[in-house]
Amino acid sequence: MSDWRVVYKLQDIPVDGSRRVATPMGDIAVCRTADDRIIAVGGAAEEGQPCALAGDGGADAVRQFDVHVSDGVILLNMAGMGLTRLAT
């Protein structure tokens, strides 16, 4: 089951930076790597800071979330998070 929600535009996240998405299950860090990959992990980064786990294999220690980029818009799969409203 999928519940894709727009969370940010790609341009909203600096290269090697992150933004926070608040959910009832805790914060999710949406990270942008130097090669423009987007990674979403539970509680891995402070907003605006580099995502320490992006691309180094350490992300196995935290929960990863499905993320997709389409036409410069970042979508996060919120299925199973019990959201009624997205807080960013």
Protein backbone atom coordinates (compact mmCIF):
# COMPACT_ATOMS: atom_id res chain seq x y z
CA MET A 1 0.00 0.00 0.00
CA SER A 2 1.25 3.49 -0.82
CA ASP A 3 0.35 6.95 0.39
CA TRP A 4 2.67 9.30 -1.49
CA ARG A 5 2.76 12.87 -0.17
CA VAL A 6 4.65 15.88 -1.47
CA VAL A 7 7.09 17.00 1.23
CA TYR A 8 9.51 19.39 -0.49
CA LYS A 9 10.79 20.60 -3.82
CA LEU A 10 14.30 19.39 -4.66
CA GLN A 11 15.51 23.00 -4.65
CA ASP A 12 14.31 23.38 -1.02
CA ILE A 13 17.05 21.06 0.24
CA PRO A 14 20.67 22.21 -0.15
CA VAL A 15 23.22 19.81 -1.60
CA ASP A 16 24.63 17.74 1.30
CA GLY A 17 21.82 19.10 3.49
CA SER A 18 18.54 17.89 4.93
CA ARG A 19 15.07 18.94 5.94
CA ARG A 20 12.83 17.54 8.65
CA VAL A 21 9.38 16.05 8.20
CA ALA A 22 7.48 15.72 11.49
CA THR A 23 5.15 12.70 11.75
CA PRO A 24 3.26 11.08 14.63
CA MET A 25 5.87 8.31 14.54
CA GLY A 26 8.79 10.74 14.90
CA ASP A 27 10.88 12.94 12.67
CA ILE A 28 12.09 11.87 9.25
CA ALA A 29 15.21 13.44 7.76
CA VAL A 30 14.95 13.99 4.02
CA CYS A 31 18.57 14.24 2.86
CA ARG A 32 20.07 15.37 -0.44
CA THR A 33 23.48 13.95 -1.32
CA ALA A 34 26.25 15.60 -3.35
CA ASP A 35 25.13 13.59 -6.40
CA ASP A 36 21.47 14.69 -5.92
CA ARG A 37 20.17 11.40 -4.51
CA ILE A 38 17.36 11.80 -1.98
CA ILE A 39 17.32 9.56 1.10
CA ALA A 40 14.68 9.57 3.84
CA VAL A 41 15.61 8.12 7.24
CA GLY A 42 14.14 8.23 10.72
CA GLY A 43 15.90 10.67 13.03
CA ALA A 44 19.26 10.70 11.25
CA ALA A 45 19.94 14.42 10.82
CA GLU A 46 19.24 17.84 12.22
CA GLU A 47 17.41 20.11 9.78
CA GLY A 48 19.78 21.86 7.41
CA GLN A 49 22.73 19.68 8.38
CA PRO A 50 24.38 17.00 6.26
CA CYS A 51 22.74 13.62 6.59
CA ALA A 52 25.44 11.64 8.35
CA LEU A 53 24.08 8.31 7.18
CA ALA A 54 23.51 9.18 3.52
CA GLY A 55 25.53 6.90 1.33
CA ASP A 56 27.89 5.44 3.95
CA GLY A 57 26.06 2.20 4.62
CA GLY A 58 25.22 3.24 8.18
CA ALA A 59 21.56 3.75 7.35
CA ASP A 60 20.92 0.10 8.24
CA ALA A 61 20.80 1.23 11.88
CA VAL A 62 17.75 3.45 11.30
CA ARG A 63 14.48 3.09 9.46
CA GLN A 64 14.57 4.08 5.80
CA PHE A 65 11.48 5.37 4.02
CA ASP A 66 10.41 5.15 0.39
CA VAL A 67 11.09 8.41 -1.41
CA HIS A 68 10.62 9.43 -5.03
CA VAL A 69 11.53 12.54 -7.02
CA SER A 70 9.34 13.55 -9.95
CA ASP A 71 9.73 16.81 -11.89
CA GLY A 72 11.75 18.34 -9.06
CA VAL A 73 9.18 17.42 -6.38
CA ILE A 74 10.07 15.08 -3.50
CA LEU A 75 7.38 12.59 -2.49
CA LEU A 76 7.52 10.45 0.64
CA ASN A 77 5.51 7.27 1.14
CA MET A 78 3.57 7.86 4.36
CA ALA A 79 1.72 4.53 4.36
CA GLY A 80 1.28 3.14 7.84
CA MET A 81 2.21 6.33 9.65
CA GLY A 82 -1.32 7.21 10.75
CA LEU A 83 -1.14 10.72 9.34
CA THR A 84 -4.16 12.89 8.93
CA ARG A 85 -2.12 16.02 8.18
CA LEU A 86 1.52 16.39 7.17
CA ALA A 87 3.54 18.79 9.32
CA THR A 88 6.79 20.13 7.84
